[in-house]
């Protein structure tokens, strides 16, 4: 059993990298990050003045350009 957390992390990352490669390791680790900030509050502020018509218009514009 590994009691040293730094060593455990190092060996774990090494095992992931050996099995999944660098890109796979990064994708795997990103699944478990907590993130930061207050997404709900930030979304409320950012979308404060956006109407349903704005959203529909944006969707229609995207469909036309594809």
PDB file of N, CA and C in Angstrom:
ATOM      1  N   UNK A   1       0.846  -1.188   0.000  1.00  0.00           N
ATOM      2  CA  UNK A   1       0.000   0.000   0.000  1.00  0.00           C
ATOM      3  C   UNK A   1       0.883   1.240   0.000  1.00  0.00           C
ATOM      4  N   UNK A   2       0.502   2.194  -0.815  1.00  0.00           N
ATOM      5  CA  UNK A   2       1.270   3.430  -0.899  1.00  0.00           C
ATOM      6  C   UNK A   2       0.654   4.456   0.052  1.00  0.00           C
ATOM      7  N   UNK A   3       1.427   4.890   1.048  1.00  0.00           N
ATOM      8  CA  UNK A   3       0.934   5.849   2.025  1.00  0.00           C
ATOM      9  C   UNK A   3       1.255   7.289   1.644  1.00  0.00           C
ATOM     10  N   UNK A   4       2.224   7.502   0.792  1.00  0.00           N
ATOM     11  CA  UNK A   4       2.630   8.831   0.372  1.00  0.00           C
ATOM     12  C   UNK A   4       1.716   9.277  -0.781  1.00  0.00           C
ATOM     13  N   UNK A   5       0.888  10.304  -0.553  1.00  0.00           N
ATOM     14  CA  UNK A   5      -0.089  10.719  -1.560  1.00  0.00           C
ATOM     15  C   UNK A   5       0.566  11.248  -2.832  1.00  0.00           C
ATOM     16  N   UNK A   6       1.690  11.946  -2.701  1.00  0.00           N
ATOM     17  CA  UNK A   6       2.389  12.440  -3.888  1.00  0.00           C
ATOM     18  C   UNK A   6       2.884  11.274  -4.741  1.00  0.00           C
ATOM     19  N   UNK A   7       3.417  10.243  -4.092  1.00  0.00           N
ATOM     20  CA  UNK A   7       3.896   9.066  -4.813  1.00  0.00           C
ATOM     21  C   UNK A   7       2.724   8.309  -5.436  1.00  0.00           C
ATOM     22  N   UNK A   8       1.629   8.213  -4.714  1.00  0.00           N
ATOM     23  CA  UNK A   8       0.437   7.542  -5.232  1.00  0.00           C
ATOM     24  C   UNK A   8      -0.061   8.247  -6.491  1.00  0.00           C
ATOM     25  N   UNK A   9      -0.106   9.573  -6.429  1.00  0.00           N
ATOM     26  CA  UNK A   9      -0.549  10.348  -7.591  1.00  0.00           C
ATOM     27  C   UNK A   9       0.407  10.146  -8.772  1.00  0.00           C
ATOM     28  N   UNK A  10       1.691  10.190  -8.503  1.00  0.00           N
ATOM     29  CA  UNK A  10       2.694  10.008  -9.552  1.00  0.00           C
ATOM     30  C   UNK A  10       2.565   8.637 -10.207  1.00  0.00           C
ATOM     31  N   UNK A  11       2.433   7.604  -9.396  1.00  0.00           N
ATOM     32  CA  UNK A  11       2.318   6.244  -9.941  1.00  0.00           C
ATOM     33  C   UNK A  11       0.994   6.062 -10.682  1.00  0.00           C
ATOM     34  N   UNK A  12      -0.052   6.672 -10.171  1.00  0.00           N
ATOM     35  CA  UNK A  12      -1.355   6.602 -10.843  1.00  0.00           C
ATOM     36  C   UNK A  12      -1.319   7.263 -12.204  1.00  0.00           C
ATOM     37  N   UNK A  13      -0.721   8.449 -12.267  1.00  0.00           N
ATOM     38  CA  UNK A  13      -0.601   9.139 -13.543  1.00  0.00           C
ATOM     39  C   UNK A  13       0.250   8.351 -14.530  1.00  0.00           C
ATOM     40  N   UNK A  14       1.300   7.737 -14.009  1.00  0.00           N
ATOM     41  CA  UNK A  14       2.166   6.923 -14.861  1.00  0.00           C
ATOM     42  C   UNK A  14       1.381   5.734 -15.434  1.00  0.00           C
ATOM     43  N   UNK A  15       0.574   5.089 -14.598  1.00  0.00           N
ATOM     44  CA  UNK A  15      -0.225   3.946 -15.049  1.00  0.00           C
ATOM     45  C   UNK A  15      -1.262   4.383 -16.088  1.00  0.00           C
ATOM     46  N   UNK A  16      -1.917   5.513 -15.837  1.00  0.00           N
ATOM     47  CA  UNK A  16      -2.884   6.022 -16.809  1.00  0.00           C
ATOM     48  C   UNK A  16      -2.209   6.340 -18.136  1.00  0.00           C
ATOM     49  N   UNK A  17      -1.075   7.003 -18.062  1.00  0.00           N
ATOM     50  CA  UNK A  17      -0.358   7.373 -19.275  1.00  0.00           C
ATOM     51  C   UNK A  17       0.086   6.143 -20.055  1.00  0.00           C
ATOM     52  N   UNK A  18       0.539   5.110 -19.358  1.00  0.00           N
ATOM     53  CA  UNK A  18       0.963   3.882 -20.024  1.00  0.00           C
ATOM     54  C   UNK A  18      -0.202   3.195 -20.725  1.00  0.00           C
ATOM     55  N   UNK A  19      -1.360   3.232 -20.111  1.00  0.00           N
ATOM     56  CA  UNK A  19      -2.528   2.538 -20.660  1.00  0.00           C
ATOM     57  C   UNK A  19      -3.304   3.384 -21.666  1.00  0.00           C
ATOM     58  N   UNK A  20      -3.470   4.698 -21.371  1.00  0.00           N
ATOM     59  CA  UNK A  20      -4.333   5.541 -22.190  1.00  0.00           C
ATOM     60  C   UNK A  20      -3.588   6.514 -23.092  1.00  0.00           C
ATOM     61  N   UNK A  21      -2.299   6.692 -22.853  1.00  0.00           N
ATOM     62  CA  UNK A  21      -1.544   7.711 -23.576  1.00  0.00           C
ATOM     63  C   UNK A  21      -1.805   9.074 -22.955  1.00  0.00           C
ATOM     64  N   UNK A  22      -1.055  10.070 -23.415  1.00  0.00           N
ATOM     65  CA  UNK A  22      -1.143  11.407 -22.820  1.00  0.00           C
ATOM     66  C   UNK A  22      -2.536  12.016 -22.996  1.00  0.00           C
ATOM     67  N   UNK A  23      -3.070  11.966 -24.210  1.00  0.00           N
ATOM     68  CA  UNK A  23      -4.376  12.574 -24.470  1.00  0.00           C
ATOM     69  C   UNK A  23      -5.475  11.876 -23.668  1.00  0.00           C
ATOM     70  N   UNK A  24      -5.444  10.556 -23.635  1.00  0.00           N
ATOM     71  CA  UNK A  24      -6.443   9.803 -22.879  1.00  0.00           C
ATOM     72  C   UNK A  24      -6.373  10.095 -21.389  1.00  0.00           C
ATOM     73  N   UNK A  25      -5.169  10.262 -20.876  1.00  0.00           N
ATOM     74  CA  UNK A  25      -4.985  10.590 -19.462  1.00  0.00           C
ATOM     75  C   UNK A  25      -5.607  11.939 -19.145  1.00  0.00           C
ATOM     76  N   UNK A  26      -5.368  12.919 -19.987  1.00  0.00           N
ATOM     77  CA  UNK A  26      -5.933  14.254 -19.764  1.00  0.00           C
ATOM     78  C   UNK A  26      -7.458  14.202 -19.807  1.00  0.00           C
ATOM     79  N   UNK A  27      -8.007  13.522 -20.786  1.00  0.00           N
ATOM     80  CA  UNK A  27      -9.468  13.410 -20.891  1.00  0.00           C
ATOM     81  C   UNK A  27     -10.043  12.729 -19.664  1.00  0.00           C
ATOM     82  N   UNK A  28      -9.395  11.677 -19.197  1.00  0.00           N
ATOM     83  CA  UNK A  28      -9.855  10.957 -18.007  1.00  0.00           C
ATOM     84  C   UNK A  28      -9.841  11.856 -16.778  1.00  0.00           C
ATOM     85  N   UNK A  29      -8.749  12.566 -16.572  1.00  0.00           N
ATOM     86  CA  UNK A  29      -8.605  13.415 -15.385  1.00  0.00           C
ATOM     87  C   UNK A  29      -9.610  14.558 -15.402  1.00  0.00           C
ATOM     88  N   UNK A  30      -9.883  15.115 -16.565  1.00  0.00           N
ATOM     89  CA  UNK A  30     -10.819  16.238 -16.663  1.00  0.00           C
ATOM     90  C   UNK A  30     -12.223  15.858 -16.197  1.00  0.00           C
ATOM     91  N   UNK A  31     -12.562  14.593 -16.248  1.00  0.00           N
ATOM     92  CA  UNK A  31     -13.880  14.147 -15.804  1.00  0.00           C
ATOM     93  C   UNK A  31     -14.074  14.341 -14.306  1.00  0.00           C
ATOM     94  N   UNK A  32     -12.995  14.456 -13.560  1.00  0.00           N
ATOM     95  CA  UNK A  32     -13.080  14.476 -12.112  1.00  0.00           C
ATOM     96  C   UNK A  32     -12.727  15.823 -11.487  1.00  0.00           C
ATOM     97  N   UNK A  33     -12.454  16.831 -12.322  1.00  0.00           N
ATOM     98  CA  UNK A  33     -12.141  18.143 -11.781  1.00  0.00           C
ATOM     99  C   UNK A  33     -13.419  18.834 -11.331  1.00  0.00           C
ATOM    100  N   UNK A  34     -13.334  19.554 -10.221  1.00  0.00           N
ATOM    101  CA  UNK A  34     -14.500  20.233  -9.677  1.00  0.00           C
ATOM    102  C   UNK A  34     -14.831  21.528 -10.393  1.00  0.00           C
ATOM    103  N   UNK A  35     -13.876  22.133 -11.019  1.00  0.00           N
ATOM    104  CA  UNK A  35     -14.106  23.420 -11.642  1.00  0.00           C
ATOM    105  C   UNK A  35     -14.109  24.517 -10.593  1.00  0.00           C
ATOM    106  N   UNK A  36     -14.574  25.685 -10.965  1.00  0.00           N
ATOM    107  CA  UNK A  36     -14.570  26.806 -10.044  1.00  0.00           C
ATOM    108  C   UNK A  36     -15.627  27.814 -10.469  1.00  0.00           C
ATOM    109  N   UNK A  37     -15.899  28.761  -9.617  1.00  0.00           N
ATOM    110  CA  UNK A  37     -16.855  29.814  -9.925  1.00  0.00           C
ATOM    111  C   UNK A  37     -18.280  29.396  -9.623  1.00  0.00           C
ATOM    112  N   UNK A  38     -19.197  30.276  -9.954  1.00  0.00           N
ATOM    113  CA  UNK A  38     -20.625  30.037  -9.746  1.00  0.00           C
ATOM    114  C   UNK A  38     -21.296  30.083 -11.106  1.00  0.00           C
ATOM    115  N   UNK A  39     -21.384  28.940 -11.751  1.00  0.00           N
ATOM    116  CA  UNK A  39     -21.901  28.859 -13.110  1.00  0.00           C
ATOM    117  C   UNK A  39     -23.309  29.424 -13.209  1.00  0.00           C
ATOM    118  N   UNK A  40     -24.156  29.105 -12.242  1.00  0.00           N
ATOM    119  CA  UNK A  40     -25.543  29.558 -12.286  1.00  0.00           C
ATOM    120  C   UNK A  40     -25.613  31.075 -12.267  1.00  0.00           C
ATOM    121  N   UNK A  41     -24.879  31.697 -11.376  1.00  0.00           N
ATOM    122  CA  UNK A  41     -24.881  33.151 -11.284  1.00  0.00           C
ATOM    123  C   UNK A  41     -24.281  33.779 -12.548  1.00  0.00           C
ATOM    124  N   UNK A  42     -23.186  33.224 -13.037  1.00  0.00           N
ATOM    125  CA  UNK A  42     -22.559  33.752 -14.245  1.00  0.00           C
ATOM    126  C   UNK A  42     -23.497  33.641 -15.443  1.00  0.00           C
ATOM    127  N   UNK A  43     -24.218  32.535 -15.535  1.00  0.00           N
ATOM    128  CA  UNK A  43     -25.166  32.332 -16.635  1.00  0.00           C
ATOM    129  C   UNK A  43     -26.303  33.343 -16.549  1.00  0.00           C
ATOM    130  N   UNK A  44     -26.816  33.562 -15.333  1.00  0.00           N
ATOM    131  CA  UNK A  44     -27.890  34.550 -15.133  1.00  0.00           C
ATOM    132  C   UNK A  44     -27.453  35.925 -15.605  1.00  0.00           C
ATOM    133  N   UNK A  45     -26.247  36.326 -15.257  1.00  0.00           N
ATOM    134  CA  UNK A  45     -25.736  37.646 -15.646  1.00  0.00           C
ATOM    135  C   UNK A  45     -25.539  37.713 -17.158  1.00  0.00           C
ATOM    136  N   UNK A  46     -24.919  36.691 -17.719  1.00  0.00           N
ATOM    137  CA  UNK A  46     -24.600  36.693 -19.144  1.00  0.00           C
ATOM    138  C   UNK A  46     -25.859  36.675 -20.006  1.00  0.00           C
ATOM    139  N   UNK A  47     -26.892  35.961 -19.569  1.00  0.00           N
ATOM    140  CA  UNK A  47     -28.102  35.798 -20.378  1.00  0.00           C
ATOM    141  C   UNK A  47     -29.238  36.719 -19.948  1.00  0.00           C
ATOM    142  N   UNK A  48     -28.933  37.672 -19.086  1.00  0.00           N
ATOM    143  CA  UNK A  48     -29.949  38.550 -18.511  1.00  0.00           C
ATOM    144  C   UNK A  48     -30.818  39.210 -19.581  1.00  0.00           C
ATOM    145  N   UNK A  49     -30.219  39.685 -20.654  1.00  0.00           N
ATOM    146  CA  UNK A  49     -30.952  40.430 -21.678  1.00  0.00           C
ATOM    147  C   UNK A  49     -31.287  39.601 -22.916  1.00  0.00           C
ATOM    148  N   UNK A  50     -31.046  38.303 -22.870  1.00  0.00           N
ATOM    149  CA  UNK A  50     -31.317  37.435 -24.018  1.00  0.00           C
ATOM    150  C   UNK A  50     -32.764  36.960 -23.954  1.00  0.00           C
ATOM    151  N   UNK A  51     -33.457  37.146 -25.066  1.00  0.00           N
ATOM    152  CA  UNK A  51     -34.855  36.721 -25.127  1.00  0.00           C
ATOM    153  C   UNK A  51     -34.973  35.395 -25.880  1.00  0.00           C
ATOM    154  N   UNK A  52     -36.142  34.808 -25.818  1.00  0.00           N
ATOM    155  CA  UNK A  52     -36.404  33.578 -26.560  1.00  0.00           C
ATOM    156  C   UNK A  52     -36.289  33.848 -28.062  1.00  0.00           C
ATOM    157  N   UNK A  53     -36.754  35.011 -28.493  1.00  0.00           N
ATOM    158  CA  UNK A  53     -36.635  35.372 -29.915  1.00  0.00           C
ATOM    159  C   UNK A  53     -35.175  35.461 -30.343  1.00  0.00           C
ATOM    160  N   UNK A  54     -34.292  35.954 -29.469  1.00  0.00           N
ATOM    161  CA  UNK A  54     -32.854  35.998 -29.768  1.00  0.00           C
ATOM    162  C   UNK A  54     -32.313  34.596 -29.997  1.00  0.00           C
ATOM    163  N   UNK A  55     -32.723  33.677 -29.162  1.00  0.00           N
ATOM    164  CA  UNK A  55     -32.251  32.293 -29.263  1.00  0.00           C
ATOM    165  C   UNK A  55     -32.739  31.651 -30.559  1.00  0.00           C
ATOM    166  N   UNK A  56     -34.028  31.828 -30.858  1.00  0.00           N
ATOM    167  CA  UNK A  56     -34.602  31.264 -32.083  1.00  0.00           C
ATOM    168  C   UNK A  56     -33.911  31.853 -33.308  1.00  0.00           C
ATOM    169  N   UNK A  57     -33.698  33.151 -33.294  1.00  0.00           N
ATOM    170  CA  UNK A  57     -33.014  33.815 -34.403  1.00  0.00           C
ATOM    171  C   UNK A  57     -31.606  33.273 -34.595  1.00  0.00           C
ATOM    172  N   UNK A  58     -30.892  33.067 -33.506  1.00  0.00           N
ATOM    173  CA  UNK A  58     -29.540  32.522 -33.577  1.00  0.00           C
ATOM    174  C   UNK A  58     -29.529  31.122 -34.174  1.00  0.00           C
ATOM    175  N   UNK A  59     -30.483  30.313 -33.767  1.00  0.00           N
ATOM    176  CA  UNK A  59     -30.585  28.943 -34.296  1.00  0.00           C
ATOM    177  C   UNK A  59     -30.867  28.974 -35.795  1.00  0.00           C
ATOM    178  N   UNK A  60     -31.783  29.830 -36.202  1.00  0.00           N
ATOM    179  CA  UNK A  60     -32.117  29.924 -37.628  1.00  0.00           C
ATOM    180  C   UNK A  60     -30.921  30.377 -38.452  1.00  0.00           C
ATOM    181  N   UNK A  61     -30.153  31.322 -37.930  1.00  0.00           N
ATOM    182  CA  UNK A  61     -28.960  31.800 -38.643  1.00  0.00           C
ATOM    183  C   UNK A  61     -27.945  30.676 -38.813  1.00  0.00           C
ATOM    184  N   UNK A  62     -27.782  29.872 -37.782  1.00  0.00           N
ATOM    185  CA  UNK A  62     -26.824  28.762 -37.872  1.00  0.00           C
ATOM    186  C   UNK A  62     -27.251  27.733 -38.897  1.00  0.00           C
ATOM    187  N   UNK A  63     -28.570  27.469 -38.958  1.00  0.00           N
ATOM    188  CA  UNK A  63     -29.069  26.492 -39.926  1.00  0.00           C
ATOM    189  C   UNK A  63     -28.846  26.963 -41.356  1.00  0.00           C
ATOM    190  N   UNK A  64     -28.963  28.265 -41.589  1.00  0.00           N
ATOM    191  CA  UNK A  64     -28.782  28.823 -42.917  1.00  0.00           C
ATOM    192  C   UNK A  64     -27.335  28.733 -43.362  1.00  0.00           C
ATOM    193  N   UNK A  65     -26.398  28.937 -42.429  1.00  0.00           N
ATOM    194  CA  UNK A  65     -24.972  28.932 -42.791  1.00  0.00           C
ATOM    195  C   UNK A  65     -24.406  27.536 -42.971  1.00  0.00           C
ATOM    196  N   UNK A  66     -25.119  26.520 -42.593  1.00  0.00           N
ATOM    197  CA  UNK A  66     -24.590  25.151 -42.721  1.00  0.00           C
ATOM    198  C   UNK A  66     -24.893  24.549 -44.042  1.00  0.00           C
TER     199      UNK A  66
END
